[in-house]
């Protein structure tokens, strides 16, 4: 048996003859990796660009099986995940000790697209190094440390980091955030600081995940504790806990635009911001008085014009409203 959440790409052999999906329909059990294409005629036959996304897809199947307590799904996911990771490290990653490709090609350290008949150092959307490297590293999850051993990343980052200082064209901020995620494997303390300084994160990355990934690296315990709170007027507020109040705790629902935290959104999520920063801020609700707590009545002033020493007059008893006419009693109020 399998789950409807994973049937689309990870139907198990134990499912029998599934009328909708073949067994692990993307997986090539001969090559160990998956193919992202196959329905359309291409000059290089089938191909796959983002090996890391395929790895994480099968990693999620293993997690799903673990969460459901289904050892069949978990074991199937682990098998697909392990095969995909083995193939990615063999055919996409090119450390100095790899002998799959020649030296001229191997110096790039990462293959962009692996096809049936060729391997290419470009992507479907461009040939800049950050495109090629980062599209084969995202998303950054607990599986990333198994997929990217530190020894390989040390060589690969020498190529990737050059994009940070390239003048023409300059690297975009969103891609810079992914470069710093790769840096986190080598130097989590530096990456922890740098990723907070970019003006825009990749749209598949959150500040929470970026900081978590850096802090959970083997040397992440060396990251100093923050000394200042996040500036609520900064784009960094997207990752602040205050931004999870509305929309059932989804911070990107109302803080998706860098440059402020809901400052132009009529449904704010950072309630602790001053009204000058957030004109749509909701008023802070006042606590409801506890009816069981005794309340001391205010002192009664003395009667005007009375001689000194005259005790204050007792408060007048409230007037008793007349009873309602017979047969016209109002209905009770439901609270």
Protein backbone atom coordinates (compact mmCIF):
# COMPACT_ATOMS: atom_id res chain seq x y z
CA UNK A 1 0.00 0.00 0.00
CA UNK A 2 1.02 3.56 -0.52
CA UNK A 3 -0.26 7.05 0.19
CA UNK A 4 -2.15 9.34 -2.13
CA UNK A 5 0.35 12.05 -1.24
CA UNK A 6 3.20 10.15 -2.90
CA UNK A 7 1.42 8.06 -5.55
CA UNK A 8 2.13 10.66 -8.22
CA UNK A 9 5.84 9.81 -8.37
CA UNK A 10 6.55 7.06 -5.83
CA UNK A 11 3.98 4.31 -6.32
CA UNK A 12 5.36 1.12 -4.79
CA UNK A 13 5.60 -2.30 -6.36
CA UNK A 14 3.51 -3.56 -3.43
CA UNK A 15 0.58 -1.54 -4.74
CA UNK A 16 0.07 -4.02 -7.57
CA UNK A 17 -1.25 -2.88 -10.91
CA UNK A 18 -2.05 0.75 -10.17
CA UNK A 19 -4.46 1.99 -12.85
CA UNK A 20 -3.14 5.56 -12.56
CA UNK A 21 0.64 5.41 -12.10
CA UNK A 22 3.46 2.99 -12.91
CA UNK A 23 5.95 2.05 -10.22
CA UNK A 24 8.12 5.10 -9.33
CA UNK A 25 7.34 6.56 -12.72
CA UNK A 26 10.31 8.98 -12.87
CA UNK A 27 12.96 6.56 -11.62
CA UNK A 28 15.41 4.87 -13.96
CA UNK A 29 16.52 1.82 -11.97
CA UNK A 30 19.37 1.18 -14.41
CA UNK A 31 20.92 4.66 -14.10
CA UNK A 32 19.85 5.01 -10.43
CA UNK A 33 18.50 8.54 -10.93
CA UNK A 34 15.23 9.99 -12.20
CA UNK A 35 14.36 11.73 -15.43
CA UNK A 36 12.49 15.01 -15.26
CA UNK A 37 11.38 14.74 -18.88
CA UNK A 38 10.33 11.92 -21.11
CA UNK A 39 7.00 12.83 -22.67
CA UNK A 40 8.46 15.09 -25.34
CA UNK A 41 10.98 14.50 -28.12
CA UNK A 42 14.32 16.21 -27.39
CA UNK A 43 17.62 16.15 -29.25
CA UNK A 44 19.44 14.74 -26.23
CA UNK A 45 16.63 12.35 -25.21
CA UNK A 46 15.57 12.39 -21.55
CA UNK A 47 17.19 14.75 -19.06
CA UNK A 48 17.15 16.03 -15.50
CA UNK A 49 18.27 19.42 -14.23
CA UNK A 50 17.79 19.71 -10.45
CA UNK A 51 19.20 16.54 -8.95
CA UNK A 52 18.77 17.93 -5.43
CA UNK A 53 15.04 18.43 -5.89
CA UNK A 54 14.71 14.79 -6.95
CA UNK A 55 16.72 13.70 -3.91
CA UNK A 56 14.46 15.68 -1.60
CA UNK A 57 11.33 14.36 -3.29
CA UNK A 58 12.26 10.81 -2.32
CA UNK A 59 13.49 11.98 1.09
CA UNK A 60 9.98 13.32 1.67
CA UNK A 61 8.53 9.88 0.87
CA UNK A 62 10.68 8.35 3.59
CA UNK A 63 9.56 11.06 6.01
CA UNK A 64 5.93 10.50 5.05
CA UNK A 65 6.21 6.78 5.76
CA UNK A 66 7.86 7.51 9.09
CA UNK A 67 5.14 10.00 10.04
CA UNK A 68 2.40 7.52 9.08
CA UNK A 69 4.11 4.66 10.87
CA UNK A 70 4.14 2.74 7.57
CA UNK A 71 7.44 0.88 7.28
CA UNK A 72 6.72 -0.11 3.68
CA UNK A 73 6.44 3.50 2.51
CA UNK A 74 9.39 4.57 4.66
CA UNK A 75 11.61 1.77 3.36
CA UNK A 76 10.55 2.42 -0.24
CA UNK A 77 11.32 6.12 0.19
CA UNK A 78 14.74 5.33 1.68
CA UNK A 79 15.56 3.10 -1.28
CA UNK A 80 14.56 5.71 -3.87
CA UNK A 81 16.29 8.45 -1.87
CA UNK A 82 19.54 6.52 -1.51
CA UNK A 83 19.66 5.63 -5.21
CA UNK A 84 18.99 9.22 -6.27
CA UNK A 85 21.67 10.55 -3.93
CA UNK A 86 24.22 8.03 -5.16
CA UNK A 87 23.54 9.03 -8.77
CA UNK A 88 23.66 12.76 -8.03
CA UNK A 89 27.05 12.44 -6.38
CA UNK A 90 28.34 10.36 -9.29
CA UNK A 91 26.94 12.17 -12.34
CA UNK A 92 26.27 15.76 -11.16
CA UNK A 93 29.03 16.38 -8.57
CA UNK A 94 32.55 16.64 -9.95
CA UNK A 95 35.14 16.73 -7.16
CA UNK A 96 38.82 16.33 -8.00
CA UNK A 97 38.69 12.61 -7.19
CA UNK A 98 35.87 11.90 -9.66
CA UNK A 99 36.77 10.09 -12.90
CA UNK A 100 33.44 10.33 -14.73
CA UNK A 101 34.29 13.44 -16.78
CA UNK A 102 37.48 14.84 -18.29
CA UNK A 103 39.55 17.48 -16.51
CA UNK A 104 38.38 20.43 -18.61
CA UNK A 105 34.76 19.76 -17.75
CA UNK A 106 35.41 18.63 -14.18
CA UNK A 107 36.86 22.00 -13.16
CA UNK A 108 33.31 23.40 -13.01
CA UNK A 109 32.59 21.03 -10.09
CA UNK A 110 28.86 20.78 -10.88
CA UNK A 111 26.92 19.51 -13.90
CA UNK A 112 23.89 21.57 -14.82
CA UNK A 113 21.84 19.04 -16.80
CA UNK A 114 22.44 15.32 -17.26
CA UNK A 115 20.82 13.93 -20.40
CA UNK A 116 20.77 10.48 -21.97
CA UNK A 117 23.41 11.48 -24.51
CA UNK A 118 25.34 14.36 -22.89
CA UNK A 119 26.13 16.35 -19.76
CA UNK A 120 25.90 20.15 -19.89
CA UNK A 121 27.20 23.06 -17.84
CA UNK A 122 24.09 25.22 -18.16
CA UNK A 123 20.45 25.26 -17.10
CA UNK A 124 17.21 25.78 -18.97
CA UNK A 125 17.16 29.41 -17.80
CA UNK A 126 20.80 30.46 -18.04
CA UNK A 127 24.46 29.51 -17.68
CA UNK A 128 25.62 31.60 -14.74
CA UNK A 129 27.48 29.53 -12.12
CA UNK A 130 24.99 30.34 -9.37
CA UNK A 131 22.19 28.99 -11.56
CA UNK A 132 23.98 25.73 -12.26
CA UNK A 133 25.25 25.11 -8.74
CA UNK A 134 22.33 26.33 -6.68
CA UNK A 135 19.57 24.71 -8.73
CA UNK A 136 21.35 21.43 -7.93
CA UNK A 137 21.59 22.25 -4.21
CA UNK A 138 18.13 23.60 -3.36
CA UNK A 139 16.17 23.07 -1.18
CA UNK A 140 18.35 23.01 1.92
CA UNK A 141 17.03 20.39 4.33
CA UNK A 142 18.46 17.81 6.75
CA UNK A 143 19.13 15.65 3.67
CA UNK A 144 21.54 18.27 2.31
CA UNK A 145 24.41 17.28 4.59
CA UNK A 146 24.27 13.71 3.29
CA UNK A 147 24.04 14.88 -0.32
CA UNK A 148 26.86 17.43 0.00
CA UNK A 149 29.85 16.17 2.01
CA UNK A 150 31.98 18.98 3.34
CA UNK A 151 35.03 17.84 1.36
CA UNK A 152 33.15 18.23 -1.91
CA UNK A 153 31.53 21.55 -0.99
CA UNK A 154 34.94 22.97 -0.15
CA UNK A 155 36.03 22.48 -3.78
CA UNK A 156 32.67 23.39 -5.27
CA UNK A 157 32.38 26.63 -3.28
CA UNK A 158 35.64 27.89 -4.76
CA UNK A 159 33.82 28.04 -8.11
CA UNK A 160 30.44 29.15 -6.79
CA UNK A 161 31.72 31.95 -4.55
CA UNK A 162 33.22 33.81 -7.53
CA UNK A 163 29.68 34.83 -8.48
CA UNK A 164 29.51 36.99 -5.34
CA UNK A 165 32.19 39.37 -6.67
CA UNK A 166 31.24 39.27 -10.36
CA UNK A 167 30.70 42.77 -11.73
CA UNK A 168 28.77 42.04 -14.91
CA UNK A 169 26.16 40.87 -14.46
CA UNK A 170 26.06 41.21 -10.68
CA UNK A 171 24.51 38.34 -8.79
CA UNK A 172 20.87 38.83 -7.80
CA UNK A 173 20.07 38.95 -4.11
CA UNK A 174 17.85 35.87 -4.19
CA UNK A 175 20.62 33.77 -5.69
CA UNK A 176 23.07 35.25 -3.21
CA UNK A 177 20.96 33.84 -0.39
CA UNK A 178 21.39 30.35 -1.84
CA UNK A 179 25.15 30.80 -2.19
CA UNK A 180 25.27 31.61 1.52
CA UNK A 181 23.32 28.44 2.23
CA UNK A 182 26.14 26.50 0.58
CA UNK A 183 28.60 28.51 2.68
CA UNK A 184 26.76 27.34 5.80
CA UNK A 185 28.12 23.83 5.26
CA UNK A 186 31.67 25.20 5.44
CA UNK A 187 31.32 28.19 7.78
CA UNK A 188 27.93 28.33 9.51
CA UNK A 189 28.84 31.36 11.62
CA UNK A 190 29.69 33.50 8.59
CA UNK A 191 26.67 32.24 6.65
CA UNK A 192 24.40 32.96 9.62
CA UNK A 193 25.41 36.61 9.50
CA UNK A 194 25.53 37.04 5.72
CA UNK A 195 22.13 35.56 4.96
CA UNK A 196 20.56 38.19 7.22
CA UNK A 197 22.14 40.95 5.14
CA UNK A 198 20.71 40.08 1.73
CA UNK A 199 17.82 42.18 0.46
CA UNK A 200 15.77 39.26 -0.84
CA UNK A 201 15.65 35.55 -0.16
CA UNK A 202 14.99 32.92 -2.80
CA UNK A 203 11.23 32.35 -2.92
CA UNK A 204 11.74 28.76 -1.81
CA UNK A 205 13.74 29.81 1.22
CA UNK A 206 12.68 31.47 4.47
CA UNK A 207 14.88 33.29 6.93
CA UNK A 208 13.78 30.83 9.58
CA UNK A 209 14.99 27.87 7.53
CA UNK A 210 18.22 29.64 6.54
CA UNK A 211 19.15 30.42 10.14
CA UNK A 212 18.09 26.96 11.30
CA UNK A 213 20.19 25.28 8.62
CA UNK A 214 23.30 27.25 9.61
CA UNK A 215 22.74 26.79 13.33
CA UNK A 216 22.33 23.01 13.04
CA UNK A 217 25.59 22.40 11.18
CA UNK A 218 28.32 20.55 13.11
CA UNK A 219 29.97 23.89 14.01
CA UNK A 220 26.66 25.73 14.44
CA UNK A 221 27.04 25.83 18.22
CA UNK A 222 29.78 28.43 17.71
CA UNK A 223 27.30 30.96 16.34
CA UNK A 224 26.97 33.75 18.95
CA UNK A 225 23.56 34.47 20.38
CA UNK A 226 21.84 37.53 18.83
CA UNK A 227 22.35 40.72 20.80
CA UNK A 228 19.60 42.79 19.20
CA UNK A 229 16.03 42.11 18.24
CA UNK A 230 15.07 42.12 14.57
CA UNK A 231 14.14 45.52 13.26
CA UNK A 232 10.37 45.33 12.76
CA UNK A 233 10.59 47.81 9.89
CA UNK A 234 13.11 45.63 8.05
CA UNK A 235 12.39 42.90 5.53
CA UNK A 236 13.96 40.52 8.07
CA UNK A 237 10.69 40.77 9.95
CA UNK A 238 9.46 38.12 7.51
CA UNK A 239 11.17 35.55 9.69
CA UNK A 240 10.22 37.00 13.06
CA UNK A 241 7.76 35.13 15.32
CA UNK A 242 5.45 38.15 15.37
CA UNK A 243 4.82 37.56 11.68
CA UNK A 244 3.14 34.24 12.35
CA UNK A 245 0.12 35.60 14.20
CA UNK A 246 -2.31 35.96 11.32
CA UNK A 247 -3.21 33.47 8.62
CA UNK A 248 -2.79 30.49 10.93
CA UNK A 249 0.91 30.96 11.46
CA UNK A 250 2.00 31.30 7.82
CA UNK A 251 4.51 34.19 7.83
CA UNK A 252 4.77 34.53 4.05
CA UNK A 253 1.04 35.03 3.69
CA UNK A 254 1.29 38.70 4.55
CA UNK A 255 5.04 39.38 4.68
CA UNK A 256 6.02 38.31 1.20
CA UNK A 257 7.36 41.66 0.00
CA UNK A 258 10.80 42.75 1.27
CA UNK A 259 11.04 46.27 2.59
CA UNK A 260 8.72 46.09 5.55
CA UNK A 261 6.56 43.88 7.64
CA UNK A 262 2.99 44.30 6.45
CA UNK A 263 3.43 48.08 6.39
CA UNK A 264 1.24 48.30 3.29
CA UNK A 265 -1.01 45.37 4.11
CA UNK A 266 -4.41 46.00 5.73
CA UNK A 267 -4.10 42.67 7.54
CA UNK A 268 -0.92 43.11 9.59
CA UNK A 269 0.93 40.31 11.27
CA UNK A 270 3.52 42.18 13.31
CA UNK A 271 1.41 43.56 16.14
CA UNK A 272 4.34 44.97 18.07
CA UNK A 273 5.14 47.73 15.56
CA UNK A 274 4.42 51.37 16.31
CA UNK A 275 1.51 52.84 14.39
CA UNK A 276 3.83 55.22 12.53
CA UNK A 277 5.58 52.19 11.04
CA UNK A 278 2.44 50.16 10.54
CA UNK A 279 -0.62 52.39 10.04
CA UNK A 280 -2.87 49.36 9.91
CA UNK A 281 -1.76 47.98 13.26
CA UNK A 282 -4.54 46.47 15.31
CA UNK A 283 -5.04 47.96 18.77
CA UNK A 284 -3.68 45.85 21.58
CA UNK A 285 -6.65 44.26 23.40
CA UNK A 286 -7.00 45.21 27.06
CA UNK A 287 -7.36 42.39 29.61
CA UNK A 288 -10.89 41.73 30.88
CA UNK A 289 -11.26 42.53 34.61
CA UNK A 290 -11.57 39.48 36.82
CA UNK A 291 -15.06 39.62 38.44
CA UNK A 292 -13.84 37.55 41.41
CA UNK A 293 -11.34 40.20 42.53
CA UNK A 294 -12.65 42.63 45.16
CA UNK A 295 -12.81 46.19 43.90
CA UNK A 296 -12.34 49.03 46.39
CA UNK A 297 -14.96 51.74 45.73
CA UNK A 298 -13.70 55.31 45.38
CA UNK A 299 -14.06 57.56 48.47
CA UNK A 300 -17.36 59.44 48.76
CA UNK A 301 -16.83 63.24 48.85
CA UNK A 302 -18.33 65.22 51.81
CA UNK A 303 -21.57 67.09 51.40
CA UNK A 304 -20.98 70.57 50.03
CA UNK A 305 -21.40 73.30 52.70
CA UNK A 306 -21.44 70.89 55.67
CA UNK A 307 -19.50 71.86 58.84
CA UNK A 308 -16.05 70.43 59.34
CA UNK A 309 -16.07 66.93 60.77
CA UNK A 310 -19.38 65.99 59.16
CA UNK A 311 -19.09 62.41 57.84
CA UNK A 312 -19.54 62.00 54.10
CA UNK A 313 -22.99 61.30 52.88
CA UNK A 314 -23.83 57.74 51.96
CA UNK A 315 -24.27 57.18 48.24
CA UNK A 316 -27.84 57.26 47.08
CA UNK A 317 -29.38 53.88 46.45
CA UNK A 318 -29.96 53.19 42.78
CA UNK A 319 -33.51 53.63 41.66
CA UNK A 320 -35.46 50.41 41.28
CA UNK A 321 -37.02 50.20 37.84
CA UNK A 322 -40.76 49.57 37.83
CA UNK A 323 -41.83 46.02 37.02
CA UNK A 324 -42.94 45.38 33.46
CA UNK A 325 -46.67 45.28 32.75
CA UNK A 326 -48.29 41.87 33.21
CA UNK A 327 -48.07 39.70 30.10
CA UNK A 328 -45.34 41.82 28.55
CA UNK A 329 -42.22 40.33 30.12
CA UNK A 330 -39.12 40.78 27.92
CA UNK A 331 -37.29 37.70 26.69
CA UNK A 332 -34.12 36.77 28.63
CA UNK A 333 -30.84 37.92 27.15
CA UNK A 334 -28.58 35.09 25.94
CA UNK A 335 -24.93 35.65 26.83
